[in-house]
Amino acid sequence: MPSPFPGERTQNVKIRHMRRSSFLSLSAALLWPLAAYASDVDVPELGVRLSTVPDGVTQPQVTQRPPGYHAVIQYGLAKLEIFREDDPAPPGSDVADPRYRALLDRRYRGNVESKAVGAPTSLGGHSAWTVVDAREDSSADLTHYTCLSYVIVDQHLYRLAVTADGSPGRPPQFDTLVKALSRVSFEQVQRPSHG
């Protein structure tokens, strides 16, 4: 049925085009600061690369802590900890198995248990198990936020955890590090030779 108003079809097309170009301009303006201040962070001792992390993230502090290597990256109120076990995971280990996760909960005693909670995810193209948790600390009037992932890469277990304390809400740096964690890639481990 033809429109009773001449030129209405042309006007609607122009409005849709204006909305689309305004949205693209706004998106570019909002995302440009992220692109301008983003870089990669390499942790060769653990074989990990984080892509497009924001400016202001500290350089990884890497320590050897038997039975593996540990790296800590700070971003404002949030902290990312990555641990890689040196010994291969036992044959048949699977982070989707609740019995294996119960073993990991005992080994890495922390505030978050993964045995009965969480969901299967993917990190760097590998099957992972991720738990997101928020716990209130009424004595300090804070909420402790955690995003914990376990993944086995080349037979080695990785434990990756983003944590932050916030009041009254979740610090934006927590979300930024979780997003960076979702873009993690795993590479060959490179460690300085001694001697």
Protein backbone atom coordinates (compact mmCIF):
# COMPACT_ATOMS: atom_id res chain seq x y z
CA MET A 1 0.00 0.00 0.00
CA PRO A 2 1.52 3.31 -1.04
CA SER A 3 2.21 5.92 1.62
CA PRO A 4 -0.27 8.80 1.81
CA PHE A 5 2.64 11.20 2.44
CA PRO A 6 4.99 11.87 -0.48
CA GLY A 7 8.67 11.38 0.37
CA GLU A 8 7.96 9.44 3.60
CA ARG A 9 9.96 6.40 2.44
CA THR A 10 12.98 8.60 1.62
CA GLN A 11 12.70 10.34 4.99
CA ASN A 12 12.64 7.00 6.90
CA VAL A 13 15.74 5.83 5.05
CA LYS A 14 17.53 9.08 5.95
CA ILE A 15 16.56 8.72 9.65
CA ARG A 16 17.79 5.11 9.77
CA HIS A 17 21.05 6.20 8.12
CA MET A 18 21.46 9.07 10.62
CA ARG A 19 20.88 6.71 13.56
CA ARG A 20 23.38 4.19 12.18
CA SER A 21 26.08 6.81 11.52
CA SER A 22 25.46 8.42 14.93
CA PHE A 23 25.81 5.02 16.61
CA LEU A 24 29.03 4.26 14.71
CA SER A 25 30.47 7.69 15.59
CA LEU A 26 29.56 7.28 19.26
CA SER A 27 30.99 3.74 19.34
CA ALA A 28 34.23 4.90 17.75
CA ALA A 29 34.49 7.81 20.20
CA LEU A 30 33.93 5.55 23.20
CA LEU A 31 36.21 2.73 22.06
CA TRP A 32 39.04 4.89 20.72
CA PRO A 33 40.57 5.50 24.19
CA LEU A 34 40.68 1.74 24.75
CA ALA A 35 42.39 1.15 21.43
CA ALA A 36 44.82 4.01 21.99
CA TYR A 37 45.94 2.77 25.37
CA ALA A 38 45.83 -0.98 24.85
CA SER A 39 48.86 -3.21 24.64
CA ASP A 40 49.86 -6.84 25.09
CA VAL A 41 51.41 -8.26 28.25
CA ASP A 42 53.69 -11.27 27.91
CA VAL A 43 54.56 -13.61 30.76
CA PRO A 44 57.05 -15.95 29.02
CA GLU A 45 57.92 -17.82 32.23
CA LEU A 46 54.33 -19.11 32.28
CA GLY A 47 53.76 -19.17 28.51
CA VAL A 48 50.94 -16.61 28.72
CA ARG A 49 50.03 -13.55 26.65
CA LEU A 50 47.23 -11.13 27.51
CA SER A 51 45.98 -9.05 24.58
CA THR A 52 44.78 -5.47 24.64
CA VAL A 53 45.18 -4.76 28.33
CA PRO A 54 44.68 -1.11 29.28
CA ASP A 55 47.42 1.35 30.07
CA GLY A 56 48.06 1.40 33.82
CA VAL A 57 48.36 -2.35 34.27
CA THR A 58 51.54 -3.15 36.19
CA GLN A 59 54.26 -5.29 34.70
CA PRO A 60 53.88 -8.92 35.76
CA GLN A 61 55.70 -9.80 38.97
CA VAL A 62 56.87 -13.38 38.38
CA THR A 63 58.15 -15.69 41.10
CA GLN A 64 59.04 -19.33 41.20
CA ARG A 65 56.88 -20.89 43.86
CA PRO A 66 57.07 -24.66 43.98
CA PRO A 67 55.40 -26.50 42.42
CA GLY A 68 55.39 -23.89 39.63
CA TYR A 69 55.56 -20.26 38.59
CA HIS A 70 53.30 -17.47 39.80
CA ALA A 71 52.62 -14.08 38.18
CA VAL A 72 50.74 -11.10 39.62
CA ILE A 73 49.40 -8.16 37.60
CA GLN A 74 47.76 -5.20 39.35
CA TYR A 75 45.29 -2.76 37.83
CA GLY A 76 43.93 -0.23 40.29
CA LEU A 77 41.78 -2.10 42.82
CA ALA A 78 41.93 -5.37 40.85
CA LYS A 79 44.59 -8.06 40.74
CA LEU A 80 45.17 -10.91 38.28
CA GLU A 81 47.11 -13.92 39.55
CA ILE A 82 48.25 -16.69 37.22
CA PHE A 83 49.84 -19.90 38.47
CA ARG A 84 51.24 -22.67 36.24
CA GLU A 85 52.20 -26.00 37.73
CA ASP A 86 55.54 -27.32 36.50
CA ASP A 87 54.63 -30.99 36.83
CA PRO A 88 52.21 -32.35 34.24
CA ALA A 89 48.66 -32.94 35.41
CA PRO A 90 47.94 -36.61 36.16
CA PRO A 91 46.71 -38.57 33.11
CA GLY A 92 42.97 -38.24 32.66
CA SER A 93 42.76 -34.92 34.55
CA ASP A 94 39.82 -32.85 33.40
CA VAL A 95 38.77 -29.50 34.87
CA ALA A 96 35.14 -30.40 34.04
CA ASP A 97 35.31 -33.30 36.53
CA PRO A 98 33.98 -32.22 39.96
CA ARG A 99 36.26 -34.75 41.72
CA TYR A 100 39.32 -33.18 40.12
CA ARG A 101 38.09 -29.68 41.01
CA ALA A 102 37.54 -30.81 44.63
CA LEU A 103 41.20 -31.87 44.66
CA LEU A 104 42.18 -28.43 43.31
CA ASP A 105 40.02 -26.68 45.93
CA ARG A 106 41.94 -28.51 48.66
CA ARG A 107 45.31 -27.80 47.02
CA TYR A 108 44.65 -24.08 46.45
CA ARG A 109 42.69 -23.21 49.57
CA GLY A 110 40.88 -19.98 48.90
CA ASN A 111 37.59 -18.20 49.34
CA VAL A 112 36.04 -19.76 46.23
CA GLU A 113 35.36 -23.44 45.76
CA SER A 114 34.87 -24.80 42.27
CA LYS A 115 33.72 -28.35 43.01
CA ALA A 116 29.97 -27.67 42.87
CA VAL A 117 29.74 -24.23 41.25
CA GLY A 118 30.87 -22.60 38.03
CA ALA A 119 30.51 -23.47 34.39
CA PRO A 120 32.54 -24.84 31.49
CA THR A 121 34.22 -22.08 29.51
CA SER A 122 37.09 -21.71 27.06
CA LEU A 123 40.38 -19.86 27.54
CA GLY A 124 42.80 -19.48 24.69
CA GLY A 125 41.07 -22.28 22.78
CA HIS A 126 41.27 -24.75 25.69
CA SER A 127 38.45 -26.16 27.82
CA ALA A 128 38.32 -24.38 31.16
CA TRP A 129 36.16 -24.21 34.28
CA THR A 130 35.24 -20.74 35.57
CA VAL A 131 33.63 -19.59 38.80
CA VAL A 132 32.49 -16.01 39.42
CA ASP A 133 31.80 -15.15 43.05
CA ALA A 134 30.89 -12.13 45.19
CA ARG A 135 31.06 -12.32 48.99
CA GLU A 136 30.12 -9.58 51.39
CA ASP A 137 32.37 -8.73 54.31
CA SER A 138 30.00 -6.98 56.71
CA SER A 139 32.78 -6.09 59.14
CA ALA A 140 34.63 -4.08 56.48
CA ASP A 141 31.53 -3.05 54.49
CA LEU A 142 33.16 -4.46 51.34
CA THR A 143 32.29 -7.05 48.74
CA HIS A 144 35.07 -9.39 47.61
CA TYR A 145 34.78 -10.22 43.89
CA THR A 146 36.50 -13.22 42.31
CA CYS A 147 36.66 -14.73 38.83
CA LEU A 148 38.56 -18.03 39.02
CA SER A 149 39.43 -20.29 36.08
CA TYR A 150 41.22 -23.62 35.82
CA VAL A 151 42.55 -24.80 32.47
CA ILE A 152 44.96 -27.53 31.38
CA VAL A 153 47.30 -26.54 28.54
CA ASP A 154 49.90 -28.94 27.17
CA GLN A 155 49.28 -31.18 30.20
CA HIS A 156 49.99 -28.36 32.69
CA LEU A 157 47.38 -26.92 35.03
CA TYR A 158 46.86 -23.16 35.07
CA ARG A 159 44.97 -21.36 37.82
CA LEU A 160 43.92 -17.84 36.80
CA ALA A 161 42.14 -15.58 39.29
CA VAL A 162 40.97 -11.97 39.11
CA THR A 163 40.09 -10.45 42.49
CA ALA A 164 38.99 -7.05 43.76
CA ASP A 165 37.31 -5.51 46.78
CA GLY A 166 34.61 -2.94 46.19
CA SER A 167 32.13 -0.75 48.02
CA PRO A 168 29.40 0.02 47.15
CA GLY A 169 29.83 -1.74 43.80
CA ARG A 170 32.21 -3.82 41.72
CA PRO A 171 35.33 -1.86 40.69
CA PRO A 172 35.48 -1.31 36.91
CA GLN A 173 39.10 -2.53 36.92
CA PHE A 174 37.80 -6.00 37.90
CA ASP A 175 35.66 -6.18 34.75
CA THR A 176 38.57 -4.90 32.65
CA LEU A 177 40.92 -7.65 33.88
CA VAL A 178 38.24 -10.33 33.44
CA LYS A 179 37.80 -9.13 29.85
CA ALA A 180 41.59 -9.25 29.32
CA LEU A 181 41.60 -12.76 30.78
CA SER A 182 39.01 -13.84 28.21
CA ARG A 183 41.54 -12.93 25.49
CA VAL A 184 44.44 -14.88 26.98
CA SER A 185 46.60 -17.00 24.70
CA PHE A 186 49.04 -19.73 25.65
CA GLU A 187 52.48 -20.02 24.12
CA GLN A 188 55.63 -22.03 24.65
CA VAL A 189 57.17 -21.42 28.09
CA GLN A 190 60.45 -19.48 27.94
CA ARG A 191 62.61 -19.19 31.02
CA PRO A 192 66.10 -17.77 31.41
CA SER A 193 68.75 -20.44 31.55
CA HIS A 194 70.85 -20.51 34.71
CA GLY A 195 74.52 -21.06 34.55
